[in-house]
Amino acid sequence: MSTYVYGIAAASHPSLPKDMGGVGDPPRPVRILKQDGLAAIASEAPEGLRPKRRDLLAHQNVLNKAGAGGSVLPMRFGSLAPDDDAVTQVLVERAEHYLERLTALDGRVEYNVKASHDQEAVLHRVMAENAEMRALAEANRQAGGGSYDDRLRLGQMIAQAVQGREAEDAAELQSLLEPAAEAVSVGPESTGWLANLSFLVLRESAEEFLAAVEEARKSSPHLELRVNGPLPPYSFVEPGPAEPAGTTTGTATGEE
């Protein structure tokens, strides 16, 4: 039976989540594998594991439980090793790296902030900022809608202006929130979001960071912000050296 790995913590971690359910149906009991001052949070790996909502949530819940009591290096969903011995071998070979990362991330959590435009609000904003677009829109209105070419031109102008505003708003949002965080990681672009930002925040400063998010909402009412956190610091775990031969355990990193 393969071993599924959720994350890595110090062996002295005060709230390692023993005896809770992990991935699988029925949920596989979570156990702790200790070696060289480190602890791997693990369970048996169910056969045919796929990223279904139930198992993604189970993976997240185990990490949330562990992260509530101290620093944890989260592994991405689906991180497997042939057996427990392969996991402890990784702990031995990467001990220095993992202990350094655990120290660096101690007392810190991640907040992910995604932003999109309120379409009506941003349309009003770009029209207010561009006299040429306003004039063309008014000319089209007075002409009963305008010609096809004029309508096409207006549509292209609006699309370009909104696209430009997306880039400006993403940069402005990052500059507004960065002072309340220790680090920022720009996530991959995704459909529907103009910004996908992850912030490393001291746990004790979380209220200050969330207050900064509220200020950003007030100063930019044309933005819709979604905040997810506190999370284990998925975006701030630097990969270690290559795993030993014979394992398929991924580097410590996270998924959205």
C-alpha atoms as a PDB file:
ATOM      1  CA  MET A   1       0.000   0.000   0.000  1.00  0.00           C
ATOM      2  CA  SER A   2       1.421   3.415  -1.010  1.00  0.00           C
ATOM      3  CA  THR A   3       1.788   6.213   1.531  1.00  0.00           C
ATOM      4  CA  TYR A   4      -0.028   9.508   1.019  1.00  0.00           C
ATOM      5  CA  VAL A   5       1.748  12.576   2.443  1.00  0.00           C
ATOM      6  CA  TYR A   6      -0.151  15.720   3.486  1.00  0.00           C
ATOM      7  CA  GLY A   7       2.654  17.808   4.876  1.00  0.00           C
ATOM      8  CA  ILE A   8       5.817  18.029   6.952  1.00  0.00           C
ATOM      9  CA  ALA A   9       6.219  19.567  10.398  1.00  0.00           C
ATOM     10  CA  ALA A  10       8.680  19.558  13.242  1.00  0.00           C
ATOM     11  CA  ALA A  11       8.499  16.431  15.394  1.00  0.00           C
ATOM     12  CA  SER A  12       7.796  18.731  18.351  1.00  0.00           C
ATOM     13  CA  HIS A  13       4.728  20.229  16.653  1.00  0.00           C
ATOM     14  CA  PRO A  14       2.039  20.528  19.373  1.00  0.00           C
ATOM     15  CA  SER A  15      -1.030  19.547  17.352  1.00  0.00           C
ATOM     16  CA  LEU A  16      -0.143  16.879  14.822  1.00  0.00           C
ATOM     17  CA  PRO A  17      -3.519  15.554  13.632  1.00  0.00           C
ATOM     18  CA  LYS A  18      -3.405  11.891  14.680  1.00  0.00           C
ATOM     19  CA  ASP A  19      -6.470   9.669  14.324  1.00  0.00           C
ATOM     20  CA  MET A  20      -8.442  12.024  12.079  1.00  0.00           C
ATOM     21  CA  GLY A  21      -9.775  11.005   8.699  1.00  0.00           C
ATOM     22  CA  GLY A  22      -7.855  11.815   5.569  1.00  0.00           C
ATOM     23  CA  VAL A  23      -8.385  11.077   1.885  1.00  0.00           C
ATOM     24  CA  GLY A  24     -10.312   8.067   0.644  1.00  0.00           C
ATOM     25  CA  ASP A  25     -13.763   6.572   1.081  1.00  0.00           C
ATOM     26  CA  PRO A  26     -13.858   5.534   3.823  1.00  0.00           C
ATOM     27  CA  PRO A  27     -11.336   8.143   5.020  1.00  0.00           C
ATOM     28  CA  ARG A  28      -7.905   6.674   5.740  1.00  0.00           C
ATOM     29  CA  PRO A  29      -6.701   7.333   9.314  1.00  0.00           C
ATOM     30  CA  VAL A  30      -3.969   9.951   9.516  1.00  0.00           C
ATOM     31  CA  ARG A  31      -0.713   8.894  11.169  1.00  0.00           C
ATOM     32  CA  ILE A  32       2.608  10.557  11.950  1.00  0.00           C
ATOM     33  CA  LEU A  33       6.012   9.362  10.705  1.00  0.00           C
ATOM     34  CA  LYS A  34       8.925  10.860  12.652  1.00  0.00           C
ATOM     35  CA  GLN A  35      12.593  11.005  11.706  1.00  0.00           C
ATOM     36  CA  ASP A  36      15.516  13.368  12.412  1.00  0.00           C
ATOM     37  CA  GLY A  37      13.407  15.973  14.240  1.00  0.00           C
ATOM     38  CA  LEU A  38      10.782  16.024  11.513  1.00  0.00           C
ATOM     39  CA  ALA A  39       7.290  14.580  11.214  1.00  0.00           C
ATOM     40  CA  ALA A  40       5.495  13.609   8.019  1.00  0.00           C
ATOM     41  CA  ILE A  41       1.710  13.738   8.254  1.00  0.00           C
ATOM     42  CA  ALA A  42       0.563  10.711   6.272  1.00  0.00           C
ATOM     43  CA  SER A  43      -2.020   8.008   5.688  1.00  0.00           C
ATOM     44  CA  GLU A  44      -2.525   5.025   3.456  1.00  0.00           C
ATOM     45  CA  ALA A  45      -3.152   6.062  -0.140  1.00  0.00           C
ATOM     46  CA  PRO A  46      -6.484   4.854  -1.543  1.00  0.00           C
ATOM     47  CA  GLU A  47      -6.401   3.178  -4.925  1.00  0.00           C
ATOM     48  CA  GLY A  48      -7.459   5.253  -7.917  1.00  0.00           C
ATOM     49  CA  LEU A  49      -7.165   8.554  -6.067  1.00  0.00           C
ATOM     50  CA  ARG A  50      -8.519  11.472  -8.099  1.00  0.00           C
ATOM     51  CA  PRO A  51      -8.884  15.173  -7.215  1.00  0.00           C
ATOM     52  CA  LYS A  52     -12.538  14.919  -6.239  1.00  0.00           C
ATOM     53  CA  ARG A  53     -14.024  17.596  -4.030  1.00  0.00           C
ATOM     54  CA  ARG A  54     -14.338  15.223  -1.048  1.00  0.00           C
ATOM     55  CA  ASP A  55     -10.663  14.286  -1.137  1.00  0.00           C
ATOM     56  CA  LEU A  56      -9.446  17.806  -1.874  1.00  0.00           C
ATOM     57  CA  LEU A  57     -11.350  18.999   1.199  1.00  0.00           C
ATOM     58  CA  ALA A  58      -9.982  16.123   3.274  1.00  0.00           C
ATOM     59  CA  HIS A  59      -6.418  17.050   2.270  1.00  0.00           C
ATOM     60  CA  GLN A  60      -7.108  20.686   3.165  1.00  0.00           C
ATOM     61  CA  ASN A  61      -8.739  19.795   6.489  1.00  0.00           C
ATOM     62  CA  VAL A  62      -5.742  17.765   7.627  1.00  0.00           C
ATOM     63  CA  LEU A  63      -3.412  20.655   6.814  1.00  0.00           C
ATOM     64  CA  ASN A  64      -5.706  23.188   8.494  1.00  0.00           C
ATOM     65  CA  LYS A  65      -5.754  21.089  11.653  1.00  0.00           C
ATOM     66  CA  ALA A  66      -1.986  20.819  11.663  1.00  0.00           C
ATOM     67  CA  GLY A  67      -1.433  24.452  10.709  1.00  0.00           C
ATOM     68  CA  ALA A  68      -3.555  25.710  13.594  1.00  0.00           C
ATOM     69  CA  GLY A  69      -0.859  24.648  16.049  1.00  0.00           C
ATOM     70  CA  GLY A  70       2.360  25.509  14.270  1.00  0.00           C
ATOM     71  CA  SER A  71       4.333  25.686  11.075  1.00  0.00           C
ATOM     72  CA  VAL A  72       3.633  23.052   8.413  1.00  0.00           C
ATOM     73  CA  LEU A  73       5.088  22.590   4.952  1.00  0.00           C
ATOM     74  CA  PRO A  74       2.079  21.553   2.845  1.00  0.00           C
ATOM     75  CA  MET A  75       2.461  18.959   0.122  1.00  0.00           C
ATOM     76  CA  ARG A  76       0.364  19.257  -3.008  1.00  0.00           C
ATOM     77  CA  PHE A  77      -2.641  16.985  -3.412  1.00  0.00           C
ATOM     78  CA  GLY A  78      -1.711  13.513  -4.615  1.00  0.00           C
ATOM     79  CA  SER A  79       1.819  13.380  -3.149  1.00  0.00           C
ATOM     80  CA  LEU A  80       2.656   9.678  -2.844  1.00  0.00           C
ATOM     81  CA  ALA A  81       5.563   7.495  -1.768  1.00  0.00           C
ATOM     82  CA  PRO A  82       5.926   3.728  -2.218  1.00  0.00           C
ATOM     83  CA  ASP A  83       5.812   3.153   1.549  1.00  0.00           C
ATOM     84  CA  ASP A  84       6.557   4.681   4.957  1.00  0.00           C
ATOM     85  CA  ASP A  85      10.272   3.908   4.701  1.00  0.00           C
ATOM     86  CA  ALA A  86      10.535   5.989   1.530  1.00  0.00           C
ATOM     87  CA  VAL A  87       8.928   8.928   3.363  1.00  0.00           C
ATOM     88  CA  THR A  88      11.334   8.770   6.303  1.00  0.00           C
ATOM     89  CA  GLN A  89      14.233   8.507   3.842  1.00  0.00           C
ATOM     90  CA  VAL A  90      13.122  11.805   2.318  1.00  0.00           C
ATOM     91  CA  LEU A  91      13.002  13.348   5.803  1.00  0.00           C
ATOM     92  CA  VAL A  92      16.600  12.256   6.412  1.00  0.00           C
ATOM     93  CA  GLU A  93      17.899  13.541   3.077  1.00  0.00           C
ATOM     94  CA  ARG A  94      16.059  16.881   3.214  1.00  0.00           C
ATOM     95  CA  ALA A  95      16.229  17.497   6.951  1.00  0.00           C
ATOM     96  CA  GLU A  96      18.333  20.659   6.729  1.00  0.00           C
ATOM     97  CA  HIS A  97      16.117  22.224   4.061  1.00  0.00           C
ATOM     98  CA  TYR A  98      12.841  21.327   5.756  1.00  0.00           C
ATOM     99  CA  LEU A  99      13.964  22.578   9.170  1.00  0.00           C
ATOM    100  CA  GLU A 100      15.090  25.879   7.635  1.00  0.00           C
ATOM    101  CA  ARG A 101      11.746  26.343   5.879  1.00  0.00           C
ATOM    102  CA  LEU A 102       9.779  25.471   9.006  1.00  0.00           C
ATOM    103  CA  THR A 103      11.712  28.090  10.959  1.00  0.00           C
ATOM    104  CA  ALA A 104      11.256  30.723   8.252  1.00  0.00           C
ATOM    105  CA  LEU A 105       7.491  30.140   8.041  1.00  0.00           C
ATOM    106  CA  ASP A 106       6.823  29.692  11.756  1.00  0.00           C
ATOM    107  CA  GLY A 107       3.880  31.803  12.921  1.00  0.00           C
ATOM    108  CA  ARG A 108       2.940  32.755   9.380  1.00  0.00           C
ATOM    109  CA  VAL A 109      -0.093  31.984   7.253  1.00  0.00           C
ATOM    110  CA  GLU A 110      -1.157  32.627   3.694  1.00  0.00           C
ATOM    111  CA  TYR A 111      -4.072  34.701   2.460  1.00  0.00           C
ATOM    112  CA  ASN A 112      -5.085  34.421  -1.176  1.00  0.00           C
ATOM    113  CA  VAL A 113      -6.824  37.430  -2.701  1.00  0.00           C
ATOM    114  CA  LYS A 114      -8.525  37.253  -6.078  1.00  0.00           C
ATOM    115  CA  ALA A 115     -10.007  40.295  -7.784  1.00  0.00           C
ATOM    116  CA  SER A 116     -12.468  40.781 -10.615  1.00  0.00           C
ATOM    117  CA  HIS A 117     -14.310  43.784 -12.023  1.00  0.00           C
ATOM    118  CA  ASP A 118     -17.866  44.775 -11.319  1.00  0.00           C
ATOM    119  CA  GLN A 119     -18.668  45.049 -15.014  1.00  0.00           C
ATOM    120  CA  GLU A 120     -21.126  47.931 -14.766  1.00  0.00           C
ATOM    121  CA  ALA A 121     -18.915  49.911 -12.403  1.00  0.00           C
ATOM    122  CA  VAL A 122     -15.767  49.479 -14.491  1.00  0.00           C
ATOM    123  CA  LEU A 123     -17.649  50.443 -17.651  1.00  0.00           C
ATOM    124  CA  HIS A 124     -18.736  53.708 -16.031  1.00  0.00           C
ATOM    125  CA  ARG A 125     -15.162  54.256 -14.878  1.00  0.00           C
ATOM    126  CA  VAL A 126     -13.478  53.786 -18.256  1.00  0.00           C
ATOM    127  CA  MET A 127     -16.103  55.901 -19.990  1.00  0.00           C
ATOM    128  CA  ALA A 128     -15.575  58.697 -17.472  1.00  0.00           C
ATOM    129  CA  GLU A 129     -11.826  58.579 -18.109  1.00  0.00           C
ATOM    130  CA  ASN A 130     -11.988  58.687 -21.932  1.00  0.00           C
ATOM    131  CA  ALA A 131     -13.529  61.697 -23.667  1.00  0.00           C
ATOM    132  CA  GLU A 132     -13.181  60.096 -27.134  1.00  0.00           C
ATOM    133  CA  MET A 133     -15.232  57.059 -26.080  1.00  0.00           C
ATOM    134  CA  ARG A 134     -17.897  59.275 -24.532  1.00  0.00           C
ATOM    135  CA  ALA A 135     -18.138  61.346 -27.699  1.00  0.00           C
ATOM    136  CA  LEU A 136     -18.429  58.252 -29.910  1.00  0.00           C
ATOM    137  CA  ALA A 137     -21.033  56.700 -27.619  1.00  0.00           C
ATOM    138  CA  GLU A 138     -23.077  59.904 -27.713  1.00  0.00           C
ATOM    139  CA  ALA A 139     -22.767  60.154 -31.510  1.00  0.00           C
ATOM    140  CA  ASN A 140     -23.969  56.568 -31.847  1.00  0.00           C
ATOM    141  CA  ARG A 141     -26.888  57.272 -29.527  1.00  0.00           C
ATOM    142  CA  GLN A 142     -27.960  60.302 -31.504  1.00  0.00           C
ATOM    143  CA  ALA A 143     -27.677  58.283 -34.740  1.00  0.00           C
ATOM    144  CA  GLY A 144     -30.035  55.646 -33.406  1.00  0.00           C
ATOM    145  CA  GLY A 145     -27.243  53.256 -32.504  1.00  0.00           C
ATOM    146  CA  GLY A 146     -24.717  54.233 -35.145  1.00  0.00           C
ATOM    147  CA  SER A 147     -23.319  52.271 -38.062  1.00  0.00           C
ATOM    148  CA  TYR A 148     -21.917  48.778 -37.706  1.00  0.00           C
ATOM    149  CA  ASP A 149     -18.376  50.137 -38.031  1.00  0.00           C
ATOM    150  CA  ASP A 150     -18.992  52.781 -35.364  1.00  0.00           C
ATOM    151  CA  ARG A 151     -20.475  50.237 -32.963  1.00  0.00           C
ATOM    152  CA  LEU A 152     -17.556  47.888 -33.619  1.00  0.00           C
ATOM    153  CA  ARG A 153     -15.063  50.682 -33.034  1.00  0.00           C
ATOM    154  CA  LEU A 154     -16.724  51.651 -29.763  1.00  0.00           C
ATOM    155  CA  GLY A 155     -16.769  48.051 -28.589  1.00  0.00           C
ATOM    156  CA  GLN A 156     -13.069  47.657 -29.363  1.00  0.00           C
ATOM    157  CA  MET A 157     -12.219  50.885 -27.559  1.00  0.00           C
ATOM    158  CA  ILE A 158     -14.157  49.784 -24.482  1.00  0.00           C
ATOM    159  CA  ALA A 159     -12.541  46.332 -24.480  1.00  0.00           C
ATOM    160  CA  GLN A 160      -9.045  47.809 -24.718  1.00  0.00           C
ATOM    161  CA  ALA A 161      -9.773  50.319 -21.971  1.00  0.00           C
ATOM    162  CA  VAL A 162     -11.127  47.627 -19.650  1.00  0.00           C
ATOM    163  CA  GLN A 163      -8.117  45.413 -20.360  1.00  0.00           C
ATOM    164  CA  GLY A 164      -5.777  48.271 -19.535  1.00  0.00           C
ATOM    165  CA  ARG A 165      -7.736  48.991 -16.364  1.00  0.00           C
ATOM    166  CA  GLU A 166      -7.392  45.325 -15.325  1.00  0.00           C
ATOM    167  CA  ALA A 167      -3.591  45.547 -15.404  1.00  0.00           C
ATOM    168  CA  GLU A 168      -3.598  48.866 -13.542  1.00  0.00           C
ATOM    169  CA  ASP A 169      -6.014  47.620 -10.902  1.00  0.00           C
ATOM    170  CA  ALA A 170      -4.012  44.427 -10.320  1.00  0.00           C
ATOM    171  CA  ALA A 171      -0.843  46.437  -9.740  1.00  0.00           C
ATOM    172  CA  GLU A 172      -2.654  48.939  -7.514  1.00  0.00           C
ATOM    173  CA  LEU A 173      -4.245  46.186  -5.418  1.00  0.00           C
ATOM    174  CA  GLN A 174      -0.864  44.551  -4.869  1.00  0.00           C
ATOM    175  CA  SER A 175       0.692  47.868  -3.816  1.00  0.00           C
ATOM    176  CA  LEU A 176      -2.155  48.509  -1.354  1.00  0.00           C
ATOM    177  CA  LEU A 177      -1.868  45.117   0.367  1.00  0.00           C
ATOM    178  CA  GLU A 178       1.893  44.489   0.272  1.00  0.00           C
ATOM    179  CA  PRO A 179       2.687  46.758   3.264  1.00  0.00           C
ATOM    180  CA  ALA A 180       0.463  44.579   5.474  1.00  0.00           C
ATOM    181  CA  ALA A 181       2.283  41.352   4.507  1.00  0.00           C
ATOM    182  CA  GLU A 182       5.798  39.956   4.675  1.00  0.00           C
ATOM    183  CA  ALA A 183       5.838  38.650   1.107  1.00  0.00           C
ATOM    184  CA  VAL A 184       3.625  38.331  -1.947  1.00  0.00           C
ATOM    185  CA  SER A 185       3.416  35.636  -4.611  1.00  0.00           C
ATOM    186  CA  VAL A 186       1.659  36.328  -7.910  1.00  0.00           C
ATOM    187  CA  GLY A 187      -0.409  33.297  -8.873  1.00  0.00           C
ATOM    188  CA  PRO A 188      -1.121  32.007 -12.365  1.00  0.00           C
ATOM    189  CA  GLU A 189      -3.638  33.853 -14.507  1.00  0.00           C
ATOM    190  CA  SER A 190      -7.094  32.324 -14.530  1.00  0.00           C
ATOM    191  CA  THR A 191     -10.294  33.115 -16.374  1.00  0.00           C
ATOM    192  CA  GLY A 192     -12.514  35.573 -14.570  1.00  0.00           C
ATOM    193  CA  TRP A 193      -9.853  37.116 -12.321  1.00  0.00           C
ATOM    194  CA  LEU A 194      -7.735  40.177 -13.004  1.00  0.00           C
ATOM    195  CA  ALA A 195      -5.506  39.432  -9.993  1.00  0.00           C
ATOM    196  CA  ASN A 196      -4.552  36.261  -8.147  1.00  0.00           C
ATOM    197  CA  LEU A 197      -2.276  37.208  -5.256  1.00  0.00           C
ATOM    198  CA  SER A 198      -1.047  35.254  -2.251  1.00  0.00           C
ATOM    199  CA  PHE A 199       0.303  37.072   0.798  1.00  0.00           C
ATOM    200  CA  LEU A 200       2.484  35.729   3.606  1.00  0.00           C
ATOM    201  CA  VAL A 201       1.170  37.214   6.834  1.00  0.00           C
ATOM    202  CA  LEU A 202       2.195  36.904  10.458  1.00  0.00           C
ATOM    203  CA  ARG A 203      -0.642  35.098  12.214  1.00  0.00           C
ATOM    204  CA  GLU A 204      -0.742  37.794  14.887  1.00  0.00           C
ATOM    205  CA  SER A 205      -1.057  40.483  12.190  1.00  0.00           C
ATOM    206  CA  ALA A 206      -3.943  38.854  10.329  1.00  0.00           C
ATOM    207  CA  GLU A 207      -6.467  41.462  11.483  1.00  0.00           C
ATOM    208  CA  GLU A 208      -4.268  44.247  10.111  1.00  0.00           C
ATOM    209  CA  PHE A 209      -4.044  42.494   6.759  1.00  0.00           C
ATOM    210  CA  LEU A 210      -7.814  41.943   6.577  1.00  0.00           C
ATOM    211  CA  ALA A 211      -8.328  45.600   7.483  1.00  0.00           C
ATOM    212  CA  ALA A 212      -6.097  46.519   4.529  1.00  0.00           C
ATOM    213  CA  VAL A 213      -8.296  44.373   2.281  1.00  0.00           C
ATOM    214  CA  GLU A 214     -11.383  46.250   3.506  1.00  0.00           C
ATOM    215  CA  GLU A 215      -9.674  49.565   2.785  1.00  0.00           C
ATOM    216  CA  ALA A 216      -8.912  48.322  -0.738  1.00  0.00           C
ATOM    217  CA  ARG A 217     -12.596  47.464  -1.178  1.00  0.00           C
ATOM    218  CA  LYS A 218     -13.621  50.967  -0.108  1.00  0.00           C
ATOM    219  CA  SER A 219     -11.055  52.740  -2.288  1.00  0.00           C
ATOM    220  CA  SER A 220     -11.825  50.587  -5.346  1.00  0.00           C
ATOM    221  CA  PRO A 221     -15.599  49.962  -5.393  1.00  0.00           C
ATOM    222  CA  HIS A 222     -15.379  48.765  -9.002  1.00  0.00           C
ATOM    223  CA  LEU A 223     -13.431  45.711  -7.775  1.00  0.00           C
ATOM    224  CA  GLU A 224     -14.899  42.525  -6.363  1.00  0.00           C
ATOM    225  CA  LEU A 225     -12.457  40.870  -3.964  1.00  0.00           C
ATOM    226  CA  ARG A 226     -12.476  37.274  -2.711  1.00  0.00           C
ATOM    227  CA  VAL A 227     -10.261  36.415   0.244  1.00  0.00           C
ATOM    228  CA  ASN A 228      -9.342  32.857   1.198  1.00  0.00           C
ATOM    229  CA  GLY A 229      -7.450  32.221   4.422  1.00  0.00           C
ATOM    230  CA  PRO A 230      -5.778  31.721   6.725  1.00  0.00           C
ATOM    231  CA  LEU A 231      -4.157  28.868   4.801  1.00  0.00           C
ATOM    232  CA  PRO A 232      -0.952  26.899   5.171  1.00  0.00           C
ATOM    233  CA  PRO A 233       1.721  28.859   3.278  1.00  0.00           C
ATOM    234  CA  TYR A 234       1.382  26.930   0.011  1.00  0.00           C
ATOM    235  CA  SER A 235       2.866  29.669  -2.144  1.00  0.00           C
ATOM    236  CA  PHE A 236       5.943  30.296  -0.016  1.00  0.00           C
ATOM    237  CA  VAL A 237       7.435  26.818   0.368  1.00  0.00           C
ATOM    238  CA  GLU A 238      10.589  26.665  -1.686  1.00  0.00           C
ATOM    239  CA  PRO A 239      11.260  23.290  -3.315  1.00  0.00           C
ATOM    240  CA  GLY A 240      14.063  21.231  -1.869  1.00  0.00           C
ATOM    241  CA  PRO A 241      16.585  18.956  -3.586  1.00  0.00           C
ATOM    242  CA  ALA A 242      15.417  16.135  -5.793  1.00  0.00           C
ATOM    243  CA  GLU A 243      13.711  13.235  -4.017  1.00  0.00           C
ATOM    244  CA  PRO A 244      15.563   9.942  -3.694  1.00  0.00           C
ATOM    245  CA  ALA A 245      15.125   7.317  -6.365  1.00  0.00           C
ATOM    246  CA  GLY A 246      12.007   5.220  -6.010  1.00  0.00           C
ATOM    247  CA  THR A 247       9.643   7.846  -4.562  1.00  0.00           C
ATOM    248  CA  THR A 248       6.912   9.817  -6.245  1.00  0.00           C
ATOM    249  CA  THR A 249       6.478  12.256  -3.387  1.00  0.00           C
ATOM    250  CA  GLY A 250       6.206  15.786  -4.742  1.00  0.00           C
ATOM    251  CA  THR A 251       8.119  18.771  -3.454  1.00  0.00           C
ATOM    252  CA  ALA A 252       6.448  20.655  -0.662  1.00  0.00           C
ATOM    253  CA  THR A 253       4.109  23.043  -2.348  1.00  0.00           C
ATOM    254  CA  GLY A 254       0.461  23.858  -2.471  1.00  0.00           C
ATOM    255  CA  GLU A 255      -2.502  24.002  -4.808  1.00  0.00           C
ATOM    256  CA  GLU A 256      -5.344  26.441  -5.107  1.00  0.00           C
END
